[in-house]
Amino acid sequence: MKQCTIFFLSGFMVLAALQIASASPMPFQPGEKLDYEIYWTVVHAGSATLEVLTDRDGEGRPALRFSALARSTPFVDSFYKVRDRIESWTDVTVEHSLLYRKRQREGDYSKDVELRFDQKSGNTMRYVRGKLRHTLEQPENVFDPLAILFAFRKNALYKTMRFSRPVTDGKVSVMGEATVEDMDKLDTPLGEMNCFRVRIDVKHLSGVFRKSRDAELLVWFSADERRLPVRVKSKVVVGHFTMELVKYEPGQEIRKTQTP
């Protein structure tokens, strides 16, 4: 079931898209929480949670913090236990990454990675288990694999829209690309929703995507001001993976505007 974990990480880490396009209020606010269920073909393999929080980065600068948690189901735990956590800090307007941490616990495998973004030098330092492993020169406004998702949500979407934005894992930096293909009406656990279908270019993705000749990755975002990632779906050599939004809690400011 390791491929299920790879799918989860890839699904959120490679929404590499993106021109920051407007000064309008962001569709997410601190306090937002998104809960997902993950399926491998028809098997319920795990769950995931995304949260938006206020914080300060490692140097004490005001920041937004994004958190992603993934865990396998009790059934999958019996032979391949997964407990992964990803955290990302950006400036408060989500223009570039400040700090990124990934804690992987998958079966007998464990790994801790930290990316530190130095805006003055234009470098990203990648630490593995506390030791500096890579120093990479970066574009001015580069995103880590989780922050790129929220940068994408800042954009007003429409059919045929194309996006590109630099994204890095600390070892390489690439221009991620995505295209808004069309609008679909989805039957979801939250009810019927109109969503934009976005195709992610997978040519830069590693792991199971690179090994799959006809791999594809699609993400559906709600066609409203929230631009919620409602569904993630991939096709790879080991089968089909789906991640479905099952619960949504709005952020603080959005919650205030919705209160009578």
C-alpha atoms as a PDB file:
ATOM      1  CA  MET A   1       0.000   0.000   0.000  1.00  0.00           C
ATOM      2  CA  LYS A   2       3.008   2.309  -0.190  1.00  0.00           C
ATOM      3  CA  GLN A   3       1.639   3.555  -3.533  1.00  0.00           C
ATOM      4  CA  CYS A   4      -1.387   4.932  -1.699  1.00  0.00           C
ATOM      5  CA  THR A   5       0.899   7.129   0.396  1.00  0.00           C
ATOM      6  CA  ILE A   6       2.819   8.203  -2.701  1.00  0.00           C
ATOM      7  CA  PHE A   7      -0.490   9.200  -4.255  1.00  0.00           C
ATOM      8  CA  PHE A   8      -1.523  11.300  -1.268  1.00  0.00           C
ATOM      9  CA  LEU A   9       1.793  13.130  -1.137  1.00  0.00           C
ATOM     10  CA  SER A  10       1.853  13.650  -4.896  1.00  0.00           C
ATOM     11  CA  GLY A  11      -1.759  14.752  -5.020  1.00  0.00           C
ATOM     12  CA  PHE A  12      -1.086  17.696  -2.715  1.00  0.00           C
ATOM     13  CA  MET A  13       2.553  18.265  -3.431  1.00  0.00           C
ATOM     14  CA  VAL A  14       2.367  18.651  -7.172  1.00  0.00           C
ATOM     15  CA  LEU A  15      -0.503  20.999  -7.774  1.00  0.00           C
ATOM     16  CA  ALA A  16       2.178  23.010  -9.448  1.00  0.00           C
ATOM     17  CA  ALA A  17       0.354  25.749 -11.069  1.00  0.00           C
ATOM     18  CA  LEU A  18       0.399  29.101 -10.806  1.00  0.00           C
ATOM     19  CA  GLN A  19       0.267  32.798 -11.443  1.00  0.00           C
ATOM     20  CA  ILE A  20      -0.776  34.855  -8.444  1.00  0.00           C
ATOM     21  CA  ALA A  21      -3.397  36.861 -10.202  1.00  0.00           C
ATOM     22  CA  SER A  22      -5.415  39.199  -8.047  1.00  0.00           C
ATOM     23  CA  ALA A  23      -5.540  41.313  -4.909  1.00  0.00           C
ATOM     24  CA  SER A  24      -9.020  40.118  -3.977  1.00  0.00           C
ATOM     25  CA  PRO A  25      -9.568  38.449  -0.570  1.00  0.00           C
ATOM     26  CA  MET A  26      -8.107  34.976  -0.382  1.00  0.00           C
ATOM     27  CA  PRO A  27     -10.623  32.093  -0.520  1.00  0.00           C
ATOM     28  CA  PHE A  28      -9.086  30.476   2.561  1.00  0.00           C
ATOM     29  CA  GLN A  29      -8.535  31.864   6.048  1.00  0.00           C
ATOM     30  CA  PRO A  30      -6.961  30.617   9.280  1.00  0.00           C
ATOM     31  CA  GLY A  31      -9.253  28.041  10.793  1.00  0.00           C
ATOM     32  CA  GLU A  32     -10.170  26.372   7.507  1.00  0.00           C
ATOM     33  CA  LYS A  33     -10.156  22.574   7.766  1.00  0.00           C
ATOM     34  CA  LEU A  34     -10.657  20.024   4.973  1.00  0.00           C
ATOM     35  CA  ASP A  35     -11.129  16.300   5.667  1.00  0.00           C
ATOM     36  CA  TYR A  36     -10.641  13.662   2.967  1.00  0.00           C
ATOM     37  CA  GLU A  37     -11.039   9.929   2.482  1.00  0.00           C
ATOM     38  CA  ILE A  38      -8.520   8.102   0.264  1.00  0.00           C
ATOM     39  CA  TYR A  39      -9.374   5.101  -1.903  1.00  0.00           C
ATOM     40  CA  TRP A  40      -7.174   2.737  -3.908  1.00  0.00           C
ATOM     41  CA  THR A  41      -9.568   1.366  -6.576  1.00  0.00           C
ATOM     42  CA  VAL A  42     -12.479   0.365  -4.255  1.00  0.00           C
ATOM     43  CA  VAL A  43     -10.429  -0.112  -1.067  1.00  0.00           C
ATOM     44  CA  HIS A  44     -10.748   2.536   1.634  1.00  0.00           C
ATOM     45  CA  ALA A  45      -7.026   3.028   2.251  1.00  0.00           C
ATOM     46  CA  GLY A  46      -6.709   6.110   4.432  1.00  0.00           C
ATOM     47  CA  SER A  47      -7.741   9.612   5.404  1.00  0.00           C
ATOM     48  CA  ALA A  48      -6.178  13.061   5.171  1.00  0.00           C
ATOM     49  CA  THR A  49      -6.683  16.492   6.700  1.00  0.00           C
ATOM     50  CA  LEU A  50      -5.662  19.954   5.477  1.00  0.00           C
ATOM     51  CA  GLU A  51      -5.658  22.965   7.808  1.00  0.00           C
ATOM     52  CA  VAL A  52      -4.838  26.678   7.561  1.00  0.00           C
ATOM     53  CA  LEU A  53      -3.315  28.299  10.668  1.00  0.00           C
ATOM     54  CA  THR A  54      -1.669  31.574  11.653  1.00  0.00           C
ATOM     55  CA  ASP A  55       1.878  31.330  12.968  1.00  0.00           C
ATOM     56  CA  ARG A  56       5.418  32.663  12.719  1.00  0.00           C
ATOM     57  CA  ASP A  57       8.209  31.001  10.801  1.00  0.00           C
ATOM     58  CA  GLY A  58      11.578  29.905  12.228  1.00  0.00           C
ATOM     59  CA  GLU A  59      12.860  33.501  12.200  1.00  0.00           C
ATOM     60  CA  GLY A  60       9.818  34.951  13.946  1.00  0.00           C
ATOM     61  CA  ARG A  61       8.231  36.470  10.834  1.00  0.00           C
ATOM     62  CA  PRO A  62       4.402  36.570  10.602  1.00  0.00           C
ATOM     63  CA  ALA A  63       3.259  33.703   8.411  1.00  0.00           C
ATOM     64  CA  LEU A  64       0.460  31.418   7.355  1.00  0.00           C
ATOM     65  CA  ARG A  65       0.991  27.779   8.255  1.00  0.00           C
ATOM     66  CA  PHE A  66      -0.544  24.968   6.234  1.00  0.00           C
ATOM     67  CA  SER A  67      -0.753  21.489   7.694  1.00  0.00           C
ATOM     68  CA  ALA A  68      -1.445  18.185   5.914  1.00  0.00           C
ATOM     69  CA  LEU A  69      -1.875  14.894   7.762  1.00  0.00           C
ATOM     70  CA  ALA A  70      -2.280  11.446   6.212  1.00  0.00           C
ATOM     71  CA  ARG A  71      -2.995   8.158   7.968  1.00  0.00           C
ATOM     72  CA  SER A  72      -3.882   4.672   6.838  1.00  0.00           C
ATOM     73  CA  THR A  73      -7.049   2.893   7.961  1.00  0.00           C
ATOM     74  CA  PRO A  74      -6.927   0.278  10.748  1.00  0.00           C
ATOM     75  CA  PHE A  75      -7.149  -2.438   8.078  1.00  0.00           C
ATOM     76  CA  VAL A  76      -4.120  -1.087   6.207  1.00  0.00           C
ATOM     77  CA  ASP A  77      -2.310  -0.468   9.519  1.00  0.00           C
ATOM     78  CA  SER A  78      -2.154  -4.230  10.039  1.00  0.00           C
ATOM     79  CA  PHE A  79       0.376  -4.605   7.216  1.00  0.00           C
ATOM     80  CA  TYR A  80       1.567  -1.090   6.250  1.00  0.00           C
ATOM     81  CA  LYS A  81       0.992   1.673   8.800  1.00  0.00           C
ATOM     82  CA  VAL A  82       1.173   5.242   7.495  1.00  0.00           C
ATOM     83  CA  ARG A  83       1.396   8.388   9.632  1.00  0.00           C
ATOM     84  CA  ASP A  84       2.662  11.322   7.567  1.00  0.00           C
ATOM     85  CA  ARG A  85       2.702  15.024   8.421  1.00  0.00           C
ATOM     86  CA  ILE A  86       3.588  17.964   6.179  1.00  0.00           C
ATOM     87  CA  GLU A  87       3.795  21.590   7.322  1.00  0.00           C
ATOM     88  CA  SER A  88       4.426  24.672   5.217  1.00  0.00           C
ATOM     89  CA  TRP A  89       4.961  28.308   6.193  1.00  0.00           C
ATOM     90  CA  THR A  90       4.486  31.159   3.688  1.00  0.00           C
ATOM     91  CA  ASP A  91       4.341  34.939   3.907  1.00  0.00           C
ATOM     92  CA  VAL A  92       0.877  36.157   4.920  1.00  0.00           C
ATOM     93  CA  THR A  93      -0.118  36.911   1.319  1.00  0.00           C
ATOM     94  CA  VAL A  94       1.088  33.504   0.059  1.00  0.00           C
ATOM     95  CA  GLU A  95       3.593  34.901  -2.444  1.00  0.00           C
ATOM     96  CA  HIS A  96       6.470  32.537  -1.563  1.00  0.00           C
ATOM     97  CA  SER A  97       7.490  29.795   0.853  1.00  0.00           C
ATOM     98  CA  LEU A  98       9.412  30.478   4.066  1.00  0.00           C
ATOM     99  CA  LEU A  99       9.765  27.037   5.649  1.00  0.00           C
ATOM    100  CA  TYR A 100       8.653  23.459   4.917  1.00  0.00           C
ATOM    101  CA  ARG A 101       8.768  20.286   7.004  1.00  0.00           C
ATOM    102  CA  LYS A 102       7.842  16.729   6.096  1.00  0.00           C
ATOM    103  CA  ARG A 103       7.690  13.852   8.580  1.00  0.00           C
ATOM    104  CA  GLN A 104       7.199  10.444   6.922  1.00  0.00           C
ATOM    105  CA  ARG A 105       6.347   7.310   8.878  1.00  0.00           C
ATOM    106  CA  GLU A 106       5.444   4.543   6.425  1.00  0.00           C
ATOM    107  CA  GLY A 107       5.823   0.928   7.482  1.00  0.00           C
ATOM    108  CA  ASP A 108       9.462   0.452   8.518  1.00  0.00           C
ATOM    109  CA  TYR A 109      10.501   3.613   6.640  1.00  0.00           C
ATOM    110  CA  SER A 110      10.953   6.978   8.342  1.00  0.00           C
ATOM    111  CA  LYS A 111      12.344  10.268   7.101  1.00  0.00           C
ATOM    112  CA  ASP A 112      12.349  13.890   8.267  1.00  0.00           C
ATOM    113  CA  VAL A 113      12.951  16.668   5.725  1.00  0.00           C
ATOM    114  CA  GLU A 114      13.116  20.433   6.238  1.00  0.00           C
ATOM    115  CA  LEU A 115      13.419  23.149   3.583  1.00  0.00           C
ATOM    116  CA  ARG A 116      14.577  26.627   4.607  1.00  0.00           C
ATOM    117  CA  PHE A 117      14.000  29.403   2.079  1.00  0.00           C
ATOM    118  CA  ASP A 118      16.472  32.304   2.199  1.00  0.00           C
ATOM    119  CA  GLN A 119      14.978  35.226   0.255  1.00  0.00           C
ATOM    120  CA  LYS A 120      18.137  37.341   0.543  1.00  0.00           C
ATOM    121  CA  SER A 121      20.504  34.789  -0.994  1.00  0.00           C
ATOM    122  CA  GLY A 122      17.913  33.200  -3.284  1.00  0.00           C
ATOM    123  CA  ASN A 123      18.781  29.746  -1.959  1.00  0.00           C
ATOM    124  CA  THR A 124      16.847  26.843  -0.521  1.00  0.00           C
ATOM    125  CA  MET A 125      18.603  24.624   2.027  1.00  0.00           C
ATOM    126  CA  ARG A 126      17.383  21.041   2.303  1.00  0.00           C
ATOM    127  CA  TYR A 127      17.972  19.235   5.604  1.00  0.00           C
ATOM    128  CA  VAL A 128      17.426  15.505   6.066  1.00  0.00           C
ATOM    129  CA  ARG A 129      17.293  14.227   9.657  1.00  0.00           C
ATOM    130  CA  GLY A 130      18.784  17.556  10.768  1.00  0.00           C
ATOM    131  CA  LYS A 131      21.777  17.539   8.393  1.00  0.00           C
ATOM    132  CA  LEU A 132      22.227  19.891   5.424  1.00  0.00           C
ATOM    133  CA  ARG A 133      22.072  17.806   2.226  1.00  0.00           C
ATOM    134  CA  HIS A 134      21.421  20.282  -0.601  1.00  0.00           C
ATOM    135  CA  THR A 135      21.678  23.993  -1.296  1.00  0.00           C
ATOM    136  CA  LEU A 136      19.743  25.046  -4.387  1.00  0.00           C
ATOM    137  CA  GLU A 137      19.551  28.425  -6.114  1.00  0.00           C
ATOM    138  CA  GLN A 138      15.900  29.383  -6.644  1.00  0.00           C
ATOM    139  CA  PRO A 139      13.656  31.866  -8.475  1.00  0.00           C
ATOM    140  CA  GLU A 140      12.576  34.792  -6.295  1.00  0.00           C
ATOM    141  CA  ASN A 141       9.071  33.501  -5.498  1.00  0.00           C
ATOM    142  CA  VAL A 142       9.283  29.737  -5.275  1.00  0.00           C
ATOM    143  CA  PHE A 143       6.826  27.440  -3.505  1.00  0.00           C
ATOM    144  CA  ASP A 144       7.174  24.182  -1.665  1.00  0.00           C
ATOM    145  CA  PRO A 145       4.993  21.190  -2.653  1.00  0.00           C
ATOM    146  CA  LEU A 146       2.199  21.985  -0.165  1.00  0.00           C
ATOM    147  CA  ALA A 147       2.090  25.790  -0.358  1.00  0.00           C
ATOM    148  CA  ILE A 148       1.626  25.610  -4.140  1.00  0.00           C
ATOM    149  CA  LEU A 149      -1.890  24.255  -3.607  1.00  0.00           C
ATOM    150  CA  PHE A 150      -2.936  27.353  -1.676  1.00  0.00           C
ATOM    151  CA  ALA A 151      -1.194  29.682  -4.120  1.00  0.00           C
ATOM    152  CA  PHE A 152      -3.308  28.067  -6.820  1.00  0.00           C
ATOM    153  CA  ARG A 153      -6.529  28.707  -4.935  1.00  0.00           C
ATOM    154  CA  LYS A 154      -5.886  32.461  -5.058  1.00  0.00           C
ATOM    155  CA  ASN A 155      -6.684  32.459  -8.780  1.00  0.00           C
ATOM    156  CA  ALA A 156     -10.103  32.982 -10.324  1.00  0.00           C
ATOM    157  CA  LEU A 157     -10.564  29.934 -12.555  1.00  0.00           C
ATOM    158  CA  TYR A 158     -12.112  29.613 -15.997  1.00  0.00           C
ATOM    159  CA  LYS A 159     -12.113  27.066 -18.796  1.00  0.00           C
ATOM    160  CA  THR A 160      -8.851  26.853 -20.868  1.00  0.00           C
ATOM    161  CA  MET A 161      -6.883  28.786 -18.240  1.00  0.00           C
ATOM    162  CA  ARG A 162      -3.251  27.688 -18.002  1.00  0.00           C
ATOM    163  CA  PHE A 163      -0.964  28.104 -15.000  1.00  0.00           C
ATOM    164  CA  SER A 164       2.724  27.844 -14.231  1.00  0.00           C
ATOM    165  CA  ARG A 165       4.751  28.520 -11.113  1.00  0.00           C
ATOM    166  CA  PRO A 166       8.155  27.401  -9.748  1.00  0.00           C
ATOM    167  CA  VAL A 167       7.986  24.650  -7.138  1.00  0.00           C
ATOM    168  CA  THR A 168      10.780  22.774  -5.364  1.00  0.00           C
ATOM    169  CA  ASP A 169      11.421  19.800  -3.102  1.00  0.00           C
ATOM    170  CA  GLY A 170      14.866  21.169  -2.225  1.00  0.00           C
ATOM    171  CA  LYS A 171      16.661  18.829  -4.643  1.00  0.00           C
ATOM    172  CA  VAL A 172      15.296  20.203  -7.921  1.00  0.00           C
ATOM    173  CA  SER A 173      13.228  23.222  -8.924  1.00  0.00           C
ATOM    174  CA  VAL A 174      10.755  22.936 -11.826  1.00  0.00           C
ATOM    175  CA  MET A 175       8.008  24.937 -13.462  1.00  0.00           C
ATOM    176  CA  GLY A 176       4.823  23.129 -12.616  1.00  0.00           C
ATOM    177  CA  GLU A 177       2.039  23.395 -15.166  1.00  0.00           C
ATOM    178  CA  ALA A 178      -1.698  22.811 -15.090  1.00  0.00           C
ATOM    179  CA  THR A 179      -4.697  23.450 -17.351  1.00  0.00           C
ATOM    180  CA  VAL A 180      -8.333  24.105 -16.479  1.00  0.00           C
ATOM    181  CA  GLU A 181     -10.082  21.696 -18.853  1.00  0.00           C
ATOM    182  CA  ASP A 182     -13.788  22.125 -18.203  1.00  0.00           C
ATOM    183  CA  MET A 183     -16.542  22.345 -15.603  1.00  0.00           C
ATOM    184  CA  ASP A 184     -18.182  19.169 -14.237  1.00  0.00           C
ATOM    185  CA  LYS A 185     -21.097  18.606 -11.886  1.00  0.00           C
ATOM    186  CA  LEU A 186     -19.969  16.196  -9.153  1.00  0.00           C
ATOM    187  CA  ASP A 187     -22.026  14.167  -6.718  1.00  0.00           C
ATOM    188  CA  THR A 188     -19.989  14.470  -3.504  1.00  0.00           C
ATOM    189  CA  PRO A 189     -20.450  13.680   0.213  1.00  0.00           C
ATOM    190  CA  LEU A 190     -21.093  17.426   0.624  1.00  0.00           C
ATOM    191  CA  GLY A 191     -23.813  17.397  -2.023  1.00  0.00           C
ATOM    192  CA  GLU A 192     -23.906  18.192  -5.721  1.00  0.00           C
ATOM    193  CA  MET A 193     -21.200  20.690  -6.686  1.00  0.00           C
ATOM    194  CA  ASN A 194     -20.093  22.443  -9.856  1.00  0.00           C
ATOM    195  CA  CYS A 195     -16.319  22.061 -10.139  1.00  0.00           C
ATOM    196  CA  PHE A 196     -13.538  23.028 -12.494  1.00  0.00           C
ATOM    197  CA  ARG A 197     -11.567  20.014 -13.697  1.00  0.00           C
ATOM    198  CA  VAL A 198      -7.824  20.771 -13.655  1.00  0.00           C
ATOM    199  CA  ARG A 199      -5.257  18.531 -15.320  1.00  0.00           C
ATOM    200  CA  ILE A 200      -1.817  18.526 -13.690  1.00  0.00           C
ATOM    201  CA  ASP A 201       1.203  17.982 -15.924  1.00  0.00           C
ATOM    202  CA  VAL A 202       2.957  14.928 -14.448  1.00  0.00           C
ATOM    203  CA  LYS A 203       6.156  15.013 -16.507  1.00  0.00           C
ATOM    204  CA  HIS A 204       8.202  16.288 -13.556  1.00  0.00           C
ATOM    205  CA  LEU A 205       6.729  13.870 -11.017  1.00  0.00           C
ATOM    206  CA  SER A 206       8.801  11.008  -9.674  1.00  0.00           C
ATOM    207  CA  GLY A 207       7.901   7.657  -8.151  1.00  0.00           C
ATOM    208  CA  VAL A 208       4.868   5.817  -9.456  1.00  0.00           C
ATOM    209  CA  PHE A 209       3.993   8.595 -11.930  1.00  0.00           C
ATOM    210  CA  ARG A 210       7.348   8.266 -13.695  1.00  0.00           C
ATOM    211  CA  LYS A 211       6.932   4.495 -13.933  1.00  0.00           C
ATOM    212  CA  SER A 212       3.469   4.759 -15.507  1.00  0.00           C
ATOM    213  CA  ARG A 213       3.359   5.327 -19.268  1.00  0.00           C
ATOM    214  CA  ASP A 214      -0.191   6.737 -19.298  1.00  0.00           C
ATOM    215  CA  ALA A 215      -0.186   8.367 -15.855  1.00  0.00           C
ATOM    216  CA  GLU A 216      -2.570  11.234 -15.216  1.00  0.00           C
ATOM    217  CA  LEU A 217      -3.532  13.450 -12.298  1.00  0.00           C
ATOM    218  CA  LEU A 218      -6.783  15.421 -12.147  1.00  0.00           C
ATOM    219  CA  VAL A 219      -8.071  17.768  -9.453  1.00  0.00           C
ATOM    220  CA  TRP A 220     -11.580  19.210  -9.215  1.00  0.00           C
ATOM    221  CA  PHE A 221     -11.925  22.646  -7.553  1.00  0.00           C
ATOM    222  CA  SER A 222     -15.301  24.023  -6.521  1.00  0.00           C
ATOM    223  CA  ALA A 223     -16.561  26.640  -8.982  1.00  0.00           C
ATOM    224  CA  ASP A 224     -17.190  29.277  -6.312  1.00  0.00           C
ATOM    225  CA  GLU A 225     -15.164  31.826  -4.361  1.00  0.00           C
ATOM    226  CA  ARG A 226     -13.763  29.107  -2.047  1.00  0.00           C
ATOM    227  CA  ARG A 227     -12.123  27.056  -4.827  1.00  0.00           C
ATOM    228  CA  LEU A 228     -12.058  23.990  -2.610  1.00  0.00           C
ATOM    229  CA  PRO A 229     -10.060  20.962  -3.818  1.00  0.00           C
ATOM    230  CA  VAL A 230     -13.062  18.621  -3.846  1.00  0.00           C
ATOM    231  CA  ARG A 231     -11.628  15.553  -5.538  1.00  0.00           C
ATOM    232  CA  VAL A 232      -8.194  14.292  -6.603  1.00  0.00           C
ATOM    233  CA  LYS A 233      -7.947  11.384  -9.006  1.00  0.00           C
ATOM    234  CA  SER A 234      -4.971   9.631 -10.569  1.00  0.00           C
ATOM    235  CA  LYS A 235      -4.322   6.803 -12.961  1.00  0.00           C
ATOM    236  CA  VAL A 236      -1.011   4.990 -12.527  1.00  0.00           C
ATOM    237  CA  VAL A 237       0.435   1.586 -13.255  1.00  0.00           C
ATOM    238  CA  VAL A 238      -0.724   0.139  -9.916  1.00  0.00           C
ATOM    239  CA  GLY A 239      -4.336   1.278 -10.317  1.00  0.00           C
ATOM    240  CA  HIS A 240      -6.665   4.207  -9.698  1.00  0.00           C
ATOM    241  CA  PHE A 241      -6.493   6.433  -6.632  1.00  0.00           C
ATOM    242  CA  THR A 242      -9.156   8.863  -5.452  1.00  0.00           C
ATOM    243  CA  MET A 243      -9.189  11.411  -2.648  1.00  0.00           C
ATOM    244  CA  GLU A 244     -12.650  12.778  -1.792  1.00  0.00           C
ATOM    245  CA  LEU A 245     -13.552  15.797   0.348  1.00  0.00           C
ATOM    246  CA  VAL A 246     -15.980  14.654   3.049  1.00  0.00           C
ATOM    247  CA  LYS A 247     -16.013  17.589   5.494  1.00  0.00           C
ATOM    248  CA  TYR A 248     -15.293  21.313   5.245  1.00  0.00           C
ATOM    249  CA  GLU A 249     -14.984  23.928   8.005  1.00  0.00           C
ATOM    250  CA  PRO A 250     -14.558  27.519   6.778  1.00  0.00           C
ATOM    251  CA  GLY A 251     -11.888  29.839   8.102  1.00  0.00           C
ATOM    252  CA  GLN A 252     -12.538  32.490  10.723  1.00  0.00           C
ATOM    253  CA  GLU A 253     -13.214  35.493   8.481  1.00  0.00           C
ATOM    254  CA  ILE A 254     -15.334  33.479   6.046  1.00  0.00           C
ATOM    255  CA  ARG A 255     -17.262  32.005   8.962  1.00  0.00           C
ATOM    256  CA  LYS A 256     -18.057  35.535  10.228  1.00  0.00           C
ATOM    257  CA  THR A 257     -19.464  36.611   6.866  1.00  0.00           C
ATOM    258  CA  GLN A 258     -21.693  33.536   6.772  1.00  0.00           C
ATOM    259  CA  THR A 259     -23.184  34.210  10.211  1.00  0.00           C
ATOM    260  CA  PRO A 260     -26.625  35.959  10.057  1.00  0.00           C
END
